[in-house]
Amino acid sequence: MLDGIGSPESADFGRAVRRLYAATGSADLPLEGLWTQDGRDDFELSSDKDTWQWTLVLPAGENPDTSRLPGRHHEIYLDDPQTCPPAELRTIIRQPVQ
């Protein structure tokens, strides 16, 4: 995942997309974008796009390059370990890239 500020049409946004796909080695995975504005809970589409804050997230795929693993990662637990057999537990791990 990568964080940035600005319009989805900006050069920084385009570079971030290319960096994520280069890190994962696959163009077949769905790209996700999380958008905020100055820490607000709502989002105003008519606002100045240059002030939009974004986090782009892309799944790592089958054979990710693990040599660029900076910072903290984010885990999303999809199953309850109290009701799901250990072999069937699923987790999504989100890791920043550089």
N, C-alpha and C. Protein backbone atom coordinates (compact mmCIF):
# COMPACT_ATOMS: atom_id res chain seq x y z
N MET A 1 0.83 -1.17 0.00
CA MET A 1 0.00 0.00 0.00
C MET A 1 0.88 1.24 0.00
N LEU A 2 0.36 2.29 -0.61
CA LEU A 2 1.07 3.56 -0.67
C LEU A 2 0.10 4.69 -0.35
N ASP A 3 0.59 5.70 0.35
CA ASP A 3 -0.20 6.88 0.70
C ASP A 3 0.24 8.06 -0.15
N GLY A 4 -0.68 8.98 -0.41
CA GLY A 4 -0.35 10.18 -1.14
C GLY A 4 -1.45 11.22 -1.03
N ILE A 5 -1.21 12.35 -1.66
CA ILE A 5 -2.17 13.46 -1.68
C ILE A 5 -2.29 13.94 -3.11
N GLY A 6 -3.52 14.17 -3.54
CA GLY A 6 -3.75 14.75 -4.84
C GLY A 6 -4.79 14.03 -5.66
N SER A 7 -5.01 14.57 -6.82
CA SER A 7 -6.01 14.08 -7.75
C SER A 7 -5.63 12.69 -8.29
N PRO A 8 -6.64 11.87 -8.64
CA PRO A 8 -6.32 10.60 -9.29
C PRO A 8 -5.72 10.80 -10.68
N GLU A 9 -5.81 12.01 -11.21
CA GLU A 9 -5.19 12.31 -12.50
C GLU A 9 -3.75 12.82 -12.35
N SER A 10 -3.26 12.96 -11.11
CA SER A 10 -1.93 13.54 -10.87
C SER A 10 -0.81 12.57 -11.23
N ALA A 11 0.36 13.13 -11.47
CA ALA A 11 1.54 12.32 -11.75
C ALA A 11 1.91 11.45 -10.55
N ASP A 12 1.77 11.98 -9.33
CA ASP A 12 2.09 11.19 -8.13
C ASP A 12 1.20 9.96 -8.01
N PHE A 13 -0.08 10.13 -8.30
CA PHE A 13 -1.01 9.00 -8.25
C PHE A 13 -0.60 7.94 -9.29
N GLY A 14 -0.30 8.38 -10.50
CA GLY A 14 0.12 7.45 -11.56
C GLY A 14 1.39 6.71 -11.19
N ARG A 15 2.36 7.41 -10.59
CA ARG A 15 3.60 6.76 -10.15
C ARG A 15 3.32 5.72 -9.07
N ALA A 16 2.42 6.05 -8.15
CA ALA A 16 2.07 5.12 -7.08
C ALA A 16 1.45 3.84 -7.65
N VAL A 17 0.57 3.99 -8.61
CA VAL A 17 -0.05 2.81 -9.24
C VAL A 17 1.03 1.95 -9.90
N ARG A 18 1.92 2.57 -10.64
CA ARG A 18 3.00 1.81 -11.31
C ARG A 18 3.91 1.12 -10.31
N ARG A 19 4.23 1.80 -9.21
CA ARG A 19 5.09 1.20 -8.18
C ARG A 19 4.43 -0.01 -7.54
N LEU A 20 3.14 0.08 -7.26
CA LEU A 20 2.45 -1.06 -6.66
C LEU A 20 2.42 -2.26 -7.60
N TYR A 21 2.09 -2.02 -8.86
CA TYR A 21 2.07 -3.14 -9.80
C TYR A 21 3.46 -3.72 -10.02
N ALA A 22 4.49 -2.89 -9.99
CA ALA A 22 5.87 -3.40 -10.12
C ALA A 22 6.25 -4.24 -8.90
N ALA A 23 5.80 -3.84 -7.72
CA ALA A 23 6.12 -4.58 -6.50
C ALA A 23 5.42 -5.92 -6.44
N THR A 24 4.20 -6.01 -6.99
CA THR A 24 3.45 -7.26 -6.92
C THR A 24 3.77 -8.19 -8.08
N GLY A 25 4.24 -7.62 -9.18
CA GLY A 25 4.58 -8.44 -10.34
C GLY A 25 3.39 -8.93 -11.12
N SER A 26 2.21 -8.36 -10.90
CA SER A 26 1.02 -8.81 -11.62
C SER A 26 0.11 -7.63 -11.91
N ALA A 27 -0.45 -7.62 -13.10
CA ALA A 27 -1.43 -6.59 -13.46
C ALA A 27 -2.84 -7.15 -13.41
N ASP A 28 -3.01 -8.40 -12.93
CA ASP A 28 -4.30 -9.05 -12.92
C ASP A 28 -5.04 -8.91 -11.59
N LEU A 29 -4.48 -8.16 -10.65
CA LEU A 29 -5.08 -8.03 -9.33
C LEU A 29 -5.83 -6.72 -9.21
N PRO A 30 -6.91 -6.68 -8.41
CA PRO A 30 -7.70 -5.45 -8.29
C PRO A 30 -7.01 -4.41 -7.41
N LEU A 31 -6.90 -3.20 -7.92
CA LEU A 31 -6.35 -2.07 -7.17
C LEU A 31 -7.46 -1.45 -6.34
N GLU A 32 -7.17 -1.14 -5.07
CA GLU A 32 -8.14 -0.48 -4.19
C GLU A 32 -7.63 0.90 -3.84
N GLY A 33 -8.53 1.86 -3.72
CA GLY A 33 -8.17 3.21 -3.29
C GLY A 33 -9.05 3.64 -2.14
N LEU A 34 -8.44 4.11 -1.07
CA LEU A 34 -9.15 4.65 0.08
C LEU A 34 -8.92 6.16 0.07
N TRP A 35 -9.99 6.94 0.09
CA TRP A 35 -9.91 8.39 -0.07
C TRP A 35 -10.45 9.11 1.15
N THR A 36 -9.75 10.17 1.58
CA THR A 36 -10.21 11.01 2.68
C THR A 36 -9.94 12.48 2.34
N GLN A 37 -10.53 13.34 3.14
CA GLN A 37 -10.33 14.78 3.02
C GLN A 37 -10.13 15.36 4.40
N ASP A 38 -8.93 15.77 4.69
CA ASP A 38 -8.63 16.45 5.96
C ASP A 38 -9.19 15.72 7.17
N GLY A 39 -9.15 14.40 7.17
CA GLY A 39 -9.61 13.62 8.32
C GLY A 39 -11.11 13.63 8.55
N ARG A 40 -11.87 14.11 7.59
CA ARG A 40 -13.33 14.17 7.73
C ARG A 40 -13.94 12.78 7.55
N ASP A 41 -15.12 12.60 8.11
CA ASP A 41 -15.84 11.33 7.96
C ASP A 41 -16.61 11.26 6.65
N ASP A 42 -16.94 12.42 6.08
CA ASP A 42 -17.66 12.43 4.81
C ASP A 42 -16.68 12.78 3.68
N PHE A 43 -17.15 12.69 2.45
CA PHE A 43 -16.29 12.97 1.30
C PHE A 43 -17.08 13.80 0.30
N GLU A 44 -16.54 14.93 -0.07
CA GLU A 44 -17.20 15.85 -0.98
C GLU A 44 -16.53 15.77 -2.36
N LEU A 45 -17.20 15.15 -3.32
CA LEU A 45 -16.62 14.96 -4.65
C LEU A 45 -16.36 16.26 -5.39
N SER A 46 -17.07 17.32 -5.05
CA SER A 46 -16.90 18.59 -5.75
C SER A 46 -15.75 19.42 -5.17
N SER A 47 -15.05 18.90 -4.16
CA SER A 47 -13.94 19.65 -3.55
C SER A 47 -12.71 19.63 -4.46
N ASP A 48 -11.71 20.42 -4.10
CA ASP A 48 -10.46 20.50 -4.84
C ASP A 48 -9.74 19.15 -4.78
N LYS A 49 -9.63 18.48 -5.91
CA LYS A 49 -9.01 17.14 -5.96
C LYS A 49 -7.55 17.16 -5.53
N ASP A 50 -6.89 18.30 -5.66
CA ASP A 50 -5.48 18.37 -5.27
C ASP A 50 -5.28 18.20 -3.77
N THR A 51 -6.36 18.32 -2.99
CA THR A 51 -6.26 18.16 -1.54
C THR A 51 -6.71 16.77 -1.07
N TRP A 52 -7.19 15.94 -1.99
CA TRP A 52 -7.63 14.60 -1.61
C TRP A 52 -6.45 13.79 -1.11
N GLN A 53 -6.68 12.99 -0.08
CA GLN A 53 -5.66 12.11 0.48
C GLN A 53 -6.04 10.67 0.13
N TRP A 54 -5.07 9.89 -0.31
CA TRP A 54 -5.40 8.54 -0.74
C TRP A 54 -4.40 7.52 -0.20
N THR A 55 -4.90 6.30 -0.09
CA THR A 55 -4.09 5.12 0.18
C THR A 55 -4.46 4.11 -0.89
N LEU A 56 -3.47 3.69 -1.66
CA LEU A 56 -3.69 2.67 -2.69
C LEU A 56 -3.24 1.33 -2.14
N VAL A 57 -4.05 0.31 -2.37
CA VAL A 57 -3.79 -1.03 -1.85
C VAL A 57 -3.90 -2.01 -3.00
N LEU A 58 -2.93 -2.91 -3.11
CA LEU A 58 -2.93 -3.93 -4.16
C LEU A 58 -2.49 -5.26 -3.56
N PRO A 59 -3.25 -6.35 -3.76
CA PRO A 59 -2.83 -7.66 -3.25
C PRO A 59 -1.46 -8.05 -3.79
N ALA A 60 -0.69 -8.78 -3.00
CA ALA A 60 0.67 -9.14 -3.37
C ALA A 60 0.75 -10.26 -4.40
N GLY A 61 -0.28 -11.04 -4.58
CA GLY A 61 -0.23 -12.12 -5.55
C GLY A 61 0.50 -13.34 -5.00
N GLU A 62 0.86 -14.24 -5.89
CA GLU A 62 1.45 -15.52 -5.50
C GLU A 62 2.90 -15.43 -5.04
N ASN A 63 3.74 -14.67 -5.73
CA ASN A 63 5.16 -14.61 -5.43
C ASN A 63 5.63 -13.17 -5.27
N PRO A 64 5.25 -12.51 -4.17
CA PRO A 64 5.62 -11.12 -4.01
C PRO A 64 7.11 -10.94 -3.74
N ASP A 65 7.64 -9.78 -4.13
CA ASP A 65 9.02 -9.41 -3.82
C ASP A 65 9.03 -8.93 -2.38
N THR A 66 9.63 -9.70 -1.48
CA THR A 66 9.60 -9.35 -0.06
C THR A 66 10.84 -8.58 0.38
N SER A 67 11.67 -8.09 -0.58
CA SER A 67 12.86 -7.33 -0.21
C SER A 67 12.52 -5.89 0.16
N ARG A 68 11.22 -5.33 -0.11
CA ARG A 68 10.81 -3.96 0.22
C ARG A 68 9.67 -3.99 1.20
N LEU A 69 9.94 -4.37 2.44
CA LEU A 69 8.89 -4.47 3.44
C LEU A 69 9.12 -3.47 4.56
N PRO A 70 8.99 -2.16 4.29
CA PRO A 70 9.21 -1.15 5.32
C PRO A 70 7.96 -0.94 6.17
N GLY A 71 8.15 -0.43 7.35
CA GLY A 71 7.03 0.02 8.16
C GLY A 71 6.13 -1.09 8.69
N ARG A 72 5.03 -0.64 9.28
CA ARG A 72 4.06 -1.57 9.87
C ARG A 72 3.12 -2.11 8.81
N HIS A 73 2.67 -3.33 9.02
CA HIS A 73 1.65 -3.86 8.12
C HIS A 73 0.32 -3.90 8.84
N HIS A 74 -0.73 -4.10 8.06
CA HIS A 74 -2.11 -4.05 8.53
C HIS A 74 -2.72 -5.42 8.26
N GLU A 75 -3.27 -6.06 9.27
CA GLU A 75 -3.90 -7.37 9.09
C GLU A 75 -5.41 -7.28 9.25
N ILE A 76 -6.12 -7.97 8.37
CA ILE A 76 -7.57 -8.06 8.43
C ILE A 76 -7.91 -9.53 8.60
N TYR A 77 -8.51 -9.86 9.73
CA TYR A 77 -8.85 -11.24 10.05
C TYR A 77 -10.26 -11.53 9.54
N LEU A 78 -10.37 -12.45 8.61
CA LEU A 78 -11.64 -12.74 7.96
C LEU A 78 -12.49 -13.77 8.69
N ASP A 79 -11.87 -14.51 9.61
CA ASP A 79 -12.59 -15.58 10.31
C ASP A 79 -12.39 -15.44 11.81
N ASP A 80 -13.31 -16.01 12.57
CA ASP A 80 -13.25 -16.00 14.02
C ASP A 80 -12.51 -17.26 14.48
N PRO A 81 -11.34 -17.12 15.12
CA PRO A 81 -10.58 -18.30 15.53
C PRO A 81 -11.30 -19.15 16.58
N GLN A 82 -12.34 -18.61 17.20
CA GLN A 82 -13.10 -19.39 18.18
C GLN A 82 -14.10 -20.32 17.51
N THR A 83 -14.44 -20.06 16.25
CA THR A 83 -15.44 -20.89 15.58
C THR A 83 -14.93 -21.53 14.29
N CYS A 84 -13.73 -21.17 13.87
CA CYS A 84 -13.18 -21.67 12.60
C CYS A 84 -11.97 -22.56 12.87
N PRO A 85 -11.88 -23.71 12.20
CA PRO A 85 -10.70 -24.57 12.37
C PRO A 85 -9.43 -23.81 11.97
N PRO A 86 -8.32 -24.01 12.70
CA PRO A 86 -7.08 -23.27 12.41
C PRO A 86 -6.63 -23.36 10.94
N ALA A 87 -6.80 -24.50 10.32
CA ALA A 87 -6.36 -24.67 8.93
C ALA A 87 -7.20 -23.85 7.94
N GLU A 88 -8.35 -23.37 8.37
CA GLU A 88 -9.23 -22.63 7.48
C GLU A 88 -9.26 -21.12 7.76
N LEU A 89 -8.47 -20.67 8.74
CA LEU A 89 -8.43 -19.25 9.05
C LEU A 89 -7.83 -18.47 7.88
N ARG A 90 -8.43 -17.32 7.57
CA ARG A 90 -7.95 -16.48 6.48
C ARG A 90 -7.62 -15.08 7.00
N THR A 91 -6.50 -14.53 6.48
CA THR A 91 -6.06 -13.20 6.89
C THR A 91 -5.60 -12.44 5.66
N ILE A 92 -5.97 -11.18 5.57
CA ILE A 92 -5.44 -10.30 4.55
C ILE A 92 -4.36 -9.46 5.22
N ILE A 93 -3.16 -9.43 4.64
CA ILE A 93 -2.07 -8.64 5.18
C ILE A 93 -1.78 -7.51 4.21
N ARG A 94 -1.81 -6.28 4.70
CA ARG A 94 -1.50 -5.11 3.88
C ARG A 94 -0.16 -4.55 4.34
N GLN A 95 0.78 -4.47 3.40
CA GLN A 95 2.14 -4.04 3.70
C GLN A 95 2.54 -2.86 2.83
N PRO A 96 3.04 -1.78 3.42
CA PRO A 96 3.50 -0.66 2.60
C PRO A 96 4.69 -1.08 1.72
N VAL A 97 4.84 -0.44 0.59
CA VAL A 97 5.99 -0.65 -0.29
C VAL A 97 6.65 0.69 -0.53
N GLN A 98 7.89 0.67 -1.00
CA GLN A 98 8.60 1.91 -1.32
C GLN A 98 8.93 1.95 -2.79
